[in-house]
N, C-alpha and C. Protein backbone atom coordinates (compact mmCIF):
# COMPACT_ATOMS: atom_id res chain seq x y z
N MET A 1 154.07 30.19 235.09
CA MET A 1 154.25 28.42 235.18
C MET A 1 154.34 28.11 236.75
N LYS A 2 154.27 29.69 237.94
CA LYS A 2 153.94 28.89 238.84
C LYS A 2 152.16 29.03 239.06
N SER A 3 151.51 29.06 238.79
CA SER A 3 150.45 29.18 238.86
C SER A 3 149.77 28.09 238.41
N LEU A 4 150.57 27.79 237.20
CA LEU A 4 150.04 26.49 237.13
C LEU A 4 150.79 25.19 237.97
N THR A 5 151.92 25.44 238.59
CA THR A 5 152.61 24.05 239.38
C THR A 5 151.07 24.73 240.30
N ARG A 6 150.62 24.96 241.54
CA ARG A 6 149.53 25.82 241.72
C ARG A 6 147.68 25.58 241.75
N LEU A 7 147.97 25.05 240.18
CA LEU A 7 146.69 24.73 240.54
C LEU A 7 146.37 22.78 240.11
N LEU A 8 147.44 22.85 239.63
CA LEU A 8 147.76 21.14 239.54
C LEU A 8 148.26 20.38 240.81
N LEU A 9 148.95 20.85 241.68
CA LEU A 9 149.07 20.46 242.67
C LEU A 9 147.87 20.27 243.59
N GLY A 10 146.88 21.78 243.17
CA GLY A 10 145.20 21.42 244.52
C GLY A 10 144.83 21.01 243.61
N THR A 11 144.52 19.82 242.11
CA THR A 11 144.42 18.71 241.73
C THR A 11 144.64 17.80 242.86
N LEU A 12 146.12 17.65 243.47
CA LEU A 12 146.09 16.41 244.16
C LEU A 12 145.13 16.64 245.50
N LEU A 13 144.72 18.28 245.89
CA LEU A 13 143.99 17.86 246.36
C LEU A 13 142.72 17.32 246.36
N LEU A 14 141.91 17.63 245.95
CA LEU A 14 140.67 17.58 245.28
C LEU A 14 140.95 15.96 244.66
N LEU A 15 141.83 15.56 244.78
CA LEU A 15 142.26 13.86 244.39
C LEU A 15 142.18 13.61 245.64
N GLY A 16 142.16 14.39 246.66
CA GLY A 16 141.98 13.23 247.76
C GLY A 16 143.38 12.42 248.09
N MET A 17 143.81 12.88 247.13
CA MET A 17 145.43 12.76 247.55
C MET A 17 146.42 13.73 248.18
N THR A 18 146.72 13.51 249.27
CA THR A 18 147.63 14.19 250.48
C THR A 18 149.10 13.41 251.03
N PRO A 19 150.00 13.03 249.88
CA PRO A 19 151.35 12.83 249.82
C PRO A 19 151.53 13.54 251.28
N ALA A 20 152.17 12.50 251.89
CA ALA A 20 153.31 13.47 253.03
C ALA A 20 154.03 13.94 252.09
N PHE A 21 154.37 15.50 252.02
CA PHE A 21 155.05 16.51 251.55
C PHE A 21 156.85 16.64 252.30
N ALA A 22 156.70 16.46 253.47
CA ALA A 22 157.19 16.16 254.33
C ALA A 22 157.83 15.48 255.48
N ALA A 23 158.38 13.79 254.84
CA ALA A 23 158.15 12.88 254.85
C ALA A 23 158.95 12.75 256.79
N ASP A 24 158.53 11.92 257.14
CA ASP A 24 159.08 11.58 258.70
C ASP A 24 160.16 10.23 258.42
N GLU A 25 161.28 10.27 259.51
CA GLU A 25 162.04 9.38 259.55
C GLU A 25 161.50 7.65 259.24
N GLN A 26 160.59 7.41 260.45
CA GLN A 26 159.61 6.41 259.36
C GLN A 26 159.36 5.80 258.09
N SER A 27 158.82 6.91 257.36
CA SER A 27 158.19 7.50 256.04
C SER A 27 159.79 6.20 255.13
N TYR A 28 160.72 7.32 255.55
CA TYR A 28 162.31 7.00 255.01
C TYR A 28 163.08 5.95 256.01
N ALA A 29 162.98 5.21 256.70
CA ALA A 29 162.94 3.93 257.15
C ALA A 29 162.03 2.49 256.38
N GLU A 30 161.29 2.64 256.40
CA GLU A 30 160.45 2.08 255.47
C GLU A 30 160.08 1.64 254.33
N ALA A 31 160.81 2.78 253.49
CA ALA A 31 160.49 2.70 251.78
C ALA A 31 161.99 2.33 251.74
N MET A 32 162.74 2.89 252.25
CA MET A 32 164.32 2.35 253.08
C MET A 32 164.29 0.53 252.97
N ALA A 33 163.90 0.38 254.05
CA ALA A 33 163.69 -2.07 253.61
C ALA A 33 162.49 -2.48 252.70
N ASN A 34 161.51 -2.04 252.42
CA ASN A 34 160.71 -1.90 250.96
C ASN A 34 161.95 -2.44 249.82
N PHE A 35 162.51 -1.45 249.34
CA PHE A 35 163.66 -1.71 248.78
C PHE A 35 164.80 -2.45 248.79
N LYS A 36 165.15 -2.88 250.22
CA LYS A 36 165.76 -3.24 250.05
C LYS A 36 165.52 -5.07 250.25
N GLN A 37 164.02 -4.90 250.17
CA GLN A 37 163.79 -6.59 250.48
C GLN A 37 163.86 -7.10 248.72
N ALA A 38 163.26 -6.30 248.35
CA ALA A 38 163.35 -6.37 246.36
C ALA A 38 165.02 -7.05 246.24
N SER A 39 164.78 -8.52 245.61
CA SER A 39 166.33 -9.05 245.76
C SER A 39 166.70 -8.71 244.21
N GLU A 40 166.11 -7.51 243.30
CA GLU A 40 167.35 -6.55 242.47
C GLU A 40 167.59 -5.25 242.69
N THR A 41 167.09 -5.33 243.96
CA THR A 41 167.04 -3.78 244.23
C THR A 41 168.60 -3.80 244.96
N LYS A 42 169.17 -5.01 245.78
CA LYS A 42 169.65 -5.16 246.69
C LYS A 42 171.76 -5.35 245.78
N LYS A 43 172.07 -5.51 244.85
CA LYS A 43 172.72 -5.66 244.83
C LYS A 43 173.08 -3.70 244.16
N PHE A 44 172.08 -3.16 243.29
CA PHE A 44 172.00 -1.45 243.20
C PHE A 44 172.50 -0.72 244.72
N PHE A 45 171.48 -0.90 246.37
CA PHE A 45 172.61 -1.22 247.36
C PHE A 45 174.32 -1.67 247.48
N ASP A 46 174.37 -2.52 247.19
CA ASP A 46 175.60 -2.62 247.78
C ASP A 46 176.30 -2.34 246.51
N ASN A 47 176.22 -1.69 244.76
CA ASN A 47 177.92 -1.36 244.09
C ASN A 47 176.56 0.23 243.76
N ALA A 48 176.03 0.85 244.02
CA ALA A 48 175.78 2.39 243.21
C ALA A 48 176.64 2.93 244.03
N TYR A 49 176.96 4.26 243.67
CA TYR A 49 177.51 5.45 244.12
C TYR A 49 176.65 6.32 245.33
N GLY A 50 175.75 6.02 244.68
CA GLY A 50 174.55 7.23 245.65
C GLY A 50 172.77 6.77 245.35
N TYR A 51 172.09 7.24 245.77
CA TYR A 51 170.44 6.53 245.40
C TYR A 51 170.22 7.81 245.67
N ALA A 52 169.43 8.18 245.23
CA ALA A 52 167.82 9.05 246.12
C ALA A 52 166.78 9.45 246.34
N LEU A 53 165.97 8.73 247.20
CA LEU A 53 164.77 8.16 247.98
C LEU A 53 163.81 9.06 248.29
N PHE A 54 162.70 9.29 247.25
CA PHE A 54 161.26 9.59 247.88
C PHE A 54 160.11 8.54 248.21
N PRO A 55 160.59 8.18 250.45
CA PRO A 55 159.38 7.25 250.16
C PRO A 55 157.42 8.01 249.93
N THR A 56 157.44 9.14 249.17
CA THR A 56 155.70 9.20 249.23
C THR A 56 155.83 10.27 248.23
N ILE A 57 155.48 10.10 246.53
CA ILE A 57 154.89 10.79 245.05
C ILE A 57 153.54 10.47 245.78
N GLY A 58 153.40 12.22 245.16
CA GLY A 58 151.07 11.23 245.28
C GLY A 58 151.63 11.89 243.43
N LYS A 59 151.14 11.50 243.59
CA LYS A 59 150.45 11.96 241.38
C LYS A 59 148.21 11.60 240.93
N GLY A 60 148.32 12.21 240.39
CA GLY A 60 146.98 12.47 240.41
C GLY A 60 146.36 13.75 239.17
N GLY A 61 145.56 13.27 238.48
CA GLY A 61 145.04 13.97 237.27
C GLY A 61 143.49 13.66 236.90
N ILE A 62 143.58 14.78 236.26
CA ILE A 62 141.61 13.51 235.54
C ILE A 62 141.95 15.44 234.09
N GLY A 63 143.24 14.74 233.45
CA GLY A 63 143.29 15.49 231.96
C GLY A 63 144.44 16.01 232.18
N ILE A 64 144.52 16.76 233.11
CA ILE A 64 145.93 18.02 233.49
C ILE A 64 146.34 17.17 234.63
N GLY A 65 147.53 16.26 234.82
CA GLY A 65 147.98 15.99 236.13
C GLY A 65 149.10 16.30 236.70
N ALA A 66 148.73 16.65 237.91
CA ALA A 66 150.95 16.96 238.79
C ALA A 66 150.97 15.69 239.02
N ALA A 67 151.91 15.13 239.91
CA ALA A 67 152.92 14.93 241.25
C ALA A 67 153.54 15.83 242.29
N TYR A 68 153.94 14.90 243.15
CA TYR A 68 155.23 15.57 244.23
C TYR A 68 155.42 14.95 245.32
N GLY A 69 156.41 15.19 245.57
CA GLY A 69 156.98 14.10 246.68
C GLY A 69 158.77 15.07 247.08
N LYS A 70 159.02 14.67 247.82
CA LYS A 70 160.42 15.10 248.52
C LYS A 70 160.72 13.56 249.16
N GLY A 71 162.36 13.96 249.29
CA GLY A 71 163.12 12.30 249.30
C GLY A 71 164.58 13.49 249.77
N ARG A 72 165.76 12.15 250.34
CA ARG A 72 166.98 12.49 250.48
C ARG A 72 167.90 12.29 249.52
N VAL A 73 169.09 12.45 249.42
CA VAL A 73 169.53 11.41 248.97
C VAL A 73 171.26 11.43 249.45
N PHE A 74 171.94 10.27 248.75
CA PHE A 74 172.43 9.69 250.08
C PHE A 74 173.71 9.48 248.20
N ARG A 75 175.32 9.76 249.21
CA ARG A 75 176.52 8.88 248.55
C ARG A 75 177.19 8.11 249.50
N ALA A 76 176.53 6.69 249.20
CA ALA A 76 177.25 6.29 250.22
C ALA A 76 177.15 6.09 251.45
N GLY A 77 175.87 6.01 251.04
CA GLY A 77 174.82 5.70 252.44
C GLY A 77 174.97 6.86 253.38
N VAL A 78 175.50 8.00 252.95
CA VAL A 78 175.25 8.70 254.01
C VAL A 78 174.44 9.96 253.55
N HIS A 79 173.59 10.12 253.78
CA HIS A 79 172.38 11.45 253.66
C HIS A 79 173.22 12.96 253.26
N VAL A 80 172.79 13.58 251.60
CA VAL A 80 174.31 14.28 251.60
C VAL A 80 173.56 15.68 251.17
N GLY A 81 171.70 15.45 250.62
CA GLY A 81 171.82 16.25 250.60
C GLY A 81 169.95 15.73 250.63
N ASN A 82 168.85 16.60 249.88
CA ASN A 82 167.83 16.93 249.49
C ASN A 82 166.99 17.00 248.64
N SER A 83 166.35 16.44 248.22
CA SER A 83 165.41 16.97 246.65
C SER A 83 164.21 16.37 246.66
N SER A 84 163.85 17.53 245.22
CA SER A 84 161.71 17.78 245.54
C SER A 84 161.61 17.10 244.08
N MET A 85 160.79 16.65 243.99
CA MET A 85 160.15 15.78 242.74
C MET A 85 158.92 16.19 242.03
N THR A 86 158.69 16.97 241.12
CA THR A 86 157.38 18.44 240.39
C THR A 86 157.53 17.17 239.01
N GLN A 87 156.41 16.76 239.08
CA GLN A 87 156.47 16.26 237.47
C GLN A 87 154.74 16.60 236.73
N LEU A 88 154.35 17.26 236.40
CA LEU A 88 153.29 17.63 235.29
C LEU A 88 153.26 16.91 234.26
N SER A 89 151.89 16.75 233.59
CA SER A 89 151.07 16.33 232.88
C SER A 89 150.09 16.47 232.03
N ILE A 90 150.26 16.21 231.18
CA ILE A 90 148.77 16.57 229.56
C ILE A 90 148.38 15.21 228.48
N GLY A 91 146.57 15.10 229.52
CA GLY A 91 147.15 13.67 227.89
C GLY A 91 146.35 13.00 228.87
N LEU A 92 145.52 11.96 228.29
CA LEU A 92 144.65 10.86 228.64
C LEU A 92 145.13 10.76 229.47
N GLN A 93 144.71 10.42 231.33
CA GLN A 93 144.37 10.60 232.77
C GLN A 93 143.59 10.83 233.39
N LEU A 94 143.37 9.89 234.31
CA LEU A 94 142.46 9.75 235.85
C LEU A 94 142.43 8.95 237.01
N GLY A 95 142.81 9.60 237.73
CA GLY A 95 142.88 9.09 239.21
C GLY A 95 144.32 9.45 239.67
N GLY A 96 143.98 9.50 240.46
CA GLY A 96 145.36 9.50 241.93
C GLY A 96 146.41 7.97 242.04
N GLN A 97 147.36 7.59 243.00
CA GLN A 97 148.02 7.21 243.14
C GLN A 97 148.79 7.79 244.04
N ALA A 98 149.89 6.79 245.23
CA ALA A 98 151.01 7.03 246.16
C ALA A 98 151.68 6.43 245.54
N TYR A 99 152.85 6.63 245.13
CA TYR A 99 154.60 5.58 244.72
C TYR A 99 155.43 5.90 246.20
N SER A 100 156.53 4.93 246.43
CA SER A 100 157.68 5.45 246.64
C SER A 100 158.64 5.49 245.10
N GLU A 101 159.76 6.44 245.31
CA GLU A 101 160.63 6.13 243.71
C GLU A 101 162.12 5.57 244.66
N ILE A 102 163.22 5.00 243.99
CA ILE A 102 164.60 5.65 244.63
C ILE A 102 165.09 5.20 242.58
N ILE A 103 166.23 6.05 242.55
CA ILE A 103 167.13 5.93 242.18
C ILE A 103 168.43 6.37 241.79
N PHE A 104 169.14 4.41 241.51
CA PHE A 104 170.57 4.58 241.84
C PHE A 104 171.85 5.51 240.75
N PHE A 105 172.71 5.49 241.34
CA PHE A 105 174.09 6.52 240.23
C PHE A 105 174.69 4.94 240.82
N LYS A 106 175.14 5.47 239.22
CA LYS A 106 176.38 4.19 239.23
C LYS A 106 177.28 4.44 239.42
N ASP A 107 178.00 6.18 239.64
CA ASP A 107 178.86 6.42 239.73
C ASP A 107 178.74 7.67 240.01
N GLU A 108 180.27 8.78 240.09
CA GLU A 108 180.52 10.07 240.76
C GLU A 108 180.20 10.91 239.19
N ALA A 109 179.46 10.67 238.24
CA ALA A 109 179.66 11.42 236.88
C ALA A 109 177.89 11.51 237.55
N ALA A 110 177.10 10.22 237.13
CA ALA A 110 175.28 9.72 236.92
C ALA A 110 174.99 11.02 238.73
N PHE A 111 175.54 10.58 239.40
CA PHE A 111 175.35 11.37 240.96
C PHE A 111 175.67 12.99 240.84
N ASN A 112 176.84 13.28 239.88
CA ASN A 112 176.76 15.20 239.54
C ASN A 112 175.25 15.39 238.48
N ASP A 113 175.66 15.05 237.56
CA ASP A 113 173.78 15.11 237.06
C ASP A 113 172.53 15.68 238.02
N PHE A 114 173.12 14.48 238.99
CA PHE A 114 171.86 15.21 239.49
C PHE A 114 171.09 15.94 241.18
N THR A 115 172.70 16.00 241.34
CA THR A 115 173.20 17.15 242.02
C THR A 115 173.36 18.15 241.87
N SER A 116 172.97 18.30 240.40
CA SER A 116 173.92 20.08 239.52
C SER A 116 173.01 20.82 239.66
N GLY A 117 170.94 21.15 240.98
CA GLY A 117 170.76 21.40 240.93
C GLY A 117 169.40 21.48 241.00
N THR A 118 169.18 21.12 239.78
CA THR A 118 168.17 20.79 238.84
C THR A 118 168.32 20.01 237.34
N PHE A 119 167.80 18.97 237.84
CA PHE A 119 167.50 18.13 236.93
C PHE A 119 166.06 17.02 236.77
N GLU A 120 165.96 16.28 234.83
CA GLU A 120 165.18 16.57 234.14
C GLU A 120 165.34 15.20 233.52
N PHE A 121 164.19 13.96 234.55
CA PHE A 121 163.75 12.78 233.21
C PHE A 121 162.86 13.49 232.06
N SER A 122 163.53 13.03 230.84
CA SER A 122 163.19 13.32 229.12
C SER A 122 161.87 12.28 229.60
N GLY A 123 162.27 10.81 229.90
CA GLY A 123 160.16 10.46 230.20
C GLY A 123 159.06 10.43 230.99
N GLN A 124 158.38 9.33 231.45
CA GLN A 124 157.61 9.71 232.22
C GLN A 124 157.52 7.76 233.25
N ALA A 125 157.85 8.66 234.79
CA ALA A 125 158.35 6.65 235.62
C ALA A 125 156.72 6.09 236.05
N SER A 126 156.41 5.62 235.30
CA SER A 126 154.78 4.82 236.03
C SER A 126 155.14 3.65 237.07
N ALA A 127 154.62 3.95 238.00
CA ALA A 127 154.72 3.48 239.57
C ALA A 127 154.56 2.25 240.02
N VAL A 128 154.03 1.14 239.25
CA VAL A 128 153.87 -0.53 239.89
C VAL A 128 154.51 -0.64 241.44
N ALA A 129 153.73 -1.95 241.88
CA ALA A 129 154.73 -2.49 243.08
C ALA A 129 155.60 -3.63 242.57
N ILE A 130 156.96 -2.82 243.45
CA ILE A 130 157.63 -3.59 242.83
C ILE A 130 158.21 -5.36 242.76
N ASN A 131 157.02 -5.50 244.20
CA ASN A 131 157.27 -7.09 244.00
C ASN A 131 156.24 -7.89 242.93
N ALA A 132 155.66 -7.21 242.47
CA ALA A 132 154.87 -7.53 241.69
C ALA A 132 154.07 -6.88 240.50
N GLY A 133 154.57 -6.77 239.57
CA GLY A 133 155.25 -6.67 238.29
C GLY A 133 155.86 -4.91 237.57
N ALA A 134 156.49 -4.47 238.97
CA ALA A 134 156.77 -3.39 239.35
C ALA A 134 157.52 -2.64 237.69
N SER A 135 157.62 -1.79 237.21
CA SER A 135 157.99 -1.15 235.86
C SER A 135 158.72 0.30 236.36
N ALA A 136 159.29 0.47 235.63
CA ALA A 136 159.30 1.74 235.59
C ALA A 136 160.55 2.65 234.73
N GLN A 137 159.85 3.70 233.98
CA GLN A 137 161.22 4.39 232.63
C GLN A 137 161.45 5.36 232.37
N ALA A 138 162.34 5.85 232.67
CA ALA A 138 162.41 7.53 232.58
C ALA A 138 163.85 7.51 231.23
N GLY A 139 164.44 8.76 230.99
CA GLY A 139 165.48 8.60 229.82
C GLY A 139 165.84 9.93 230.21
N THR A 140 167.40 10.29 230.20
CA THR A 140 167.46 11.68 231.27
C THR A 140 167.52 12.17 229.38
N THR A 141 167.13 13.32 229.42
CA THR A 141 167.49 14.58 228.46
C THR A 141 167.48 13.64 226.79
N GLY A 142 166.35 12.81 226.94
CA GLY A 142 166.40 12.70 225.20
C GLY A 142 167.07 10.97 225.39
N ASN A 143 167.34 10.03 225.94
CA ASN A 143 168.03 9.27 226.92
C ASN A 143 167.16 8.49 227.36
N SER A 144 167.31 6.78 227.63
CA SER A 144 165.96 6.47 228.51
C SER A 144 166.73 4.88 229.50
N ALA A 145 166.47 4.95 230.59
CA ALA A 145 166.52 3.80 231.60
C ALA A 145 165.43 3.31 231.77
N SER A 146 165.85 2.22 232.10
CA SER A 146 163.70 1.27 232.62
C SER A 146 164.78 0.51 233.41
N ALA A 147 163.58 0.13 234.28
CA ALA A 147 163.71 -1.15 235.15
C ALA A 147 162.42 -1.60 235.13
N GLY A 148 162.27 -3.08 235.58
CA GLY A 148 161.35 -3.47 235.26
C GLY A 148 160.96 -5.43 236.15
N GLN A 149 159.76 -5.30 236.95
CA GLN A 149 160.01 -6.31 237.50
C GLN A 149 158.89 -7.08 237.19
N SER A 150 158.92 -8.62 237.26
CA SER A 150 157.73 -9.85 237.33
C SER A 150 157.34 -9.84 238.52
N GLY A 151 155.96 -10.43 238.89
CA GLY A 151 155.48 -11.09 240.36
C GLY A 151 156.12 -12.23 241.12
N GLY A 152 156.10 -12.37 241.87
CA GLY A 152 156.06 -13.54 242.40
C GLY A 152 157.14 -13.71 243.00
N ALA A 153 159.01 -14.32 242.71
CA ALA A 153 159.79 -14.34 242.50
C ALA A 153 161.03 -12.85 242.86
N GLN A 154 160.55 -12.10 242.92
CA GLN A 154 161.09 -10.66 242.66
C GLN A 154 161.81 -10.87 241.88
N SER A 155 161.69 -11.18 240.20
CA SER A 155 162.90 -11.36 239.80
C SER A 155 162.84 -10.06 238.73
N ALA A 156 163.38 -9.06 239.16
CA ALA A 156 163.21 -8.08 238.10
C ALA A 156 164.82 -8.01 237.56
N LYS A 157 164.27 -7.82 236.51
CA LYS A 157 165.32 -6.87 235.21
C LYS A 157 165.87 -5.63 235.41
N ALA A 158 166.43 -5.14 235.91
CA ALA A 158 166.64 -4.10 235.50
C ALA A 158 168.59 -3.20 235.33
N ASN A 159 168.84 -2.61 234.85
CA ASN A 159 171.08 -2.29 234.67
C ASN A 159 170.82 -0.78 234.65
N TYR A 160 171.34 -0.25 235.14
CA TYR A 160 172.10 0.99 234.83
C TYR A 160 171.80 1.90 233.18
N ILE A 161 171.15 2.32 232.88
CA ILE A 161 171.73 3.14 231.57
C ILE A 161 171.67 4.72 231.78
N HIS A 162 172.30 4.90 231.69
CA HIS A 162 173.05 6.15 231.59
C HIS A 162 173.35 6.90 233.02
N GLY A 163 174.27 5.84 233.56
CA GLY A 163 173.84 6.03 234.47
C GLY A 163 173.11 5.73 235.79
N MET A 164 172.29 5.57 235.40
CA MET A 164 170.99 5.45 236.72
C MET A 164 169.94 4.12 235.94
N ALA A 165 169.57 3.78 237.58
CA ALA A 165 168.65 2.89 237.43
C ALA A 165 167.14 3.37 238.46
N VAL A 166 166.38 2.99 237.77
CA VAL A 166 165.10 3.95 238.78
C VAL A 166 163.75 3.23 239.36
N PHE A 167 163.41 2.39 240.50
CA PHE A 167 162.81 1.19 240.64
C PHE A 167 161.50 2.60 241.21
N THR A 168 160.23 1.65 241.38
CA THR A 168 159.13 2.15 242.47
C THR A 168 158.20 1.45 242.36
N ALA A 169 157.17 1.51 243.31
CA ALA A 169 156.77 0.50 245.21
C ALA A 169 155.60 1.13 244.93
N ALA A 170 154.77 0.13 244.45
CA ALA A 170 153.19 1.08 244.38
C ALA A 170 152.95 1.57 245.42
N LYS A 171 151.76 2.15 246.17
CA LYS A 171 151.75 2.33 247.51
C LYS A 171 149.58 2.55 247.45
N GLY A 172 149.04 2.55 246.76
CA GLY A 172 148.13 3.04 246.85
C GLY A 172 147.79 3.35 245.60
N GLY A 173 146.16 3.31 245.86
CA GLY A 173 145.75 4.59 244.20
C GLY A 173 145.23 3.93 243.43
N LEU A 174 144.74 4.22 242.25
CA LEU A 174 144.60 3.12 240.52
C LEU A 174 144.09 4.81 240.15
N MET A 175 145.15 4.46 238.97
CA MET A 175 145.27 5.92 238.20
C MET A 175 145.12 4.75 236.67
N PHE A 176 145.00 5.26 235.60
CA PHE A 176 144.57 5.28 234.26
C PHE A 176 145.16 6.53 233.99
N GLU A 177 146.61 6.90 232.30
CA GLU A 177 146.97 7.39 232.20
C GLU A 177 147.21 7.37 231.07
N ALA A 178 146.96 7.71 229.90
CA ALA A 178 148.40 7.70 228.97
C ALA A 178 149.01 8.95 228.61
N ALA A 179 149.79 9.61 229.19
CA ALA A 179 150.33 11.15 228.99
C ALA A 179 151.19 10.73 228.61
N LEU A 180 152.13 12.10 228.85
CA LEU A 180 153.56 12.81 228.63
C LEU A 180 154.23 13.62 229.30
N ALA A 181 154.79 13.18 230.00
CA ALA A 181 155.57 14.06 231.50
C ALA A 181 156.87 13.40 231.51
N GLY A 182 157.73 14.73 232.32
CA GLY A 182 158.93 15.20 232.90
C GLY A 182 159.19 15.01 233.81
N GLN A 183 159.65 13.85 234.43
CA GLN A 183 159.40 14.41 236.63
C GLN A 183 160.62 15.22 236.38
N LYS A 184 160.73 16.68 237.01
CA LYS A 184 162.08 17.64 237.31
C LYS A 184 162.59 17.89 238.61
N PHE A 185 163.35 17.64 239.19
CA PHE A 185 163.94 17.01 240.39
C PHE A 185 165.25 18.53 240.35
N ASN A 186 164.81 19.36 242.25
CA ASN A 186 165.25 19.82 242.50
C ASN A 186 166.50 19.12 243.76
N TYR A 187 167.55 19.64 243.96
CA TYR A 187 168.40 19.53 244.60
C TYR A 187 169.63 20.04 245.53
N GLU A 188 169.45 20.13 246.64
CA GLU A 188 169.26 20.65 247.67
C GLU A 188 170.49 20.40 248.19
N ALA A 189 171.79 21.09 248.68
CA ALA A 189 172.65 19.80 249.18
C ALA A 189 172.41 20.65 251.85
N LYS A 190 172.70 19.27 251.73
CA LYS A 190 173.03 19.71 253.60
C LYS A 190 173.15 20.68 253.96
């Protein structure tokens, strides 16, 4: 499995996708500012038990695809740990993109699920700019969570589903895909 992961991450590099795997303070601040500007995510920042922020996730594929990004996990606004996200997919897909992702945790139970060490969404998150047609879908082992937004006035519709709400914001690239894959997260306490 590790050799397959390396091969697929190599695909990202061949496609010219070189995301900032070790994001710096500025990239976290920019991603946070972007998500806080969206009117619908404001209520999540105000009420969430915690959240995981991934400033840059790089994704690419030609038939076989991969995505990778590093992020930070926050509880009550305090950085408590780090996380990495990997995604492998097989199916009809072509291209590459970079995006930011934030996962809000409604309560301690959802936070504990995510920070248990290894967490996996059973569905696939789709990255589109949060201020112009954003959409994200994810399932937690047989269950689903979704968040969507139409353009213009940032009239997003999002709810916690199984304790989590996911938002993405496109940073660049173009990708066509109709693939099945799940995002996997590893967590390490600070």
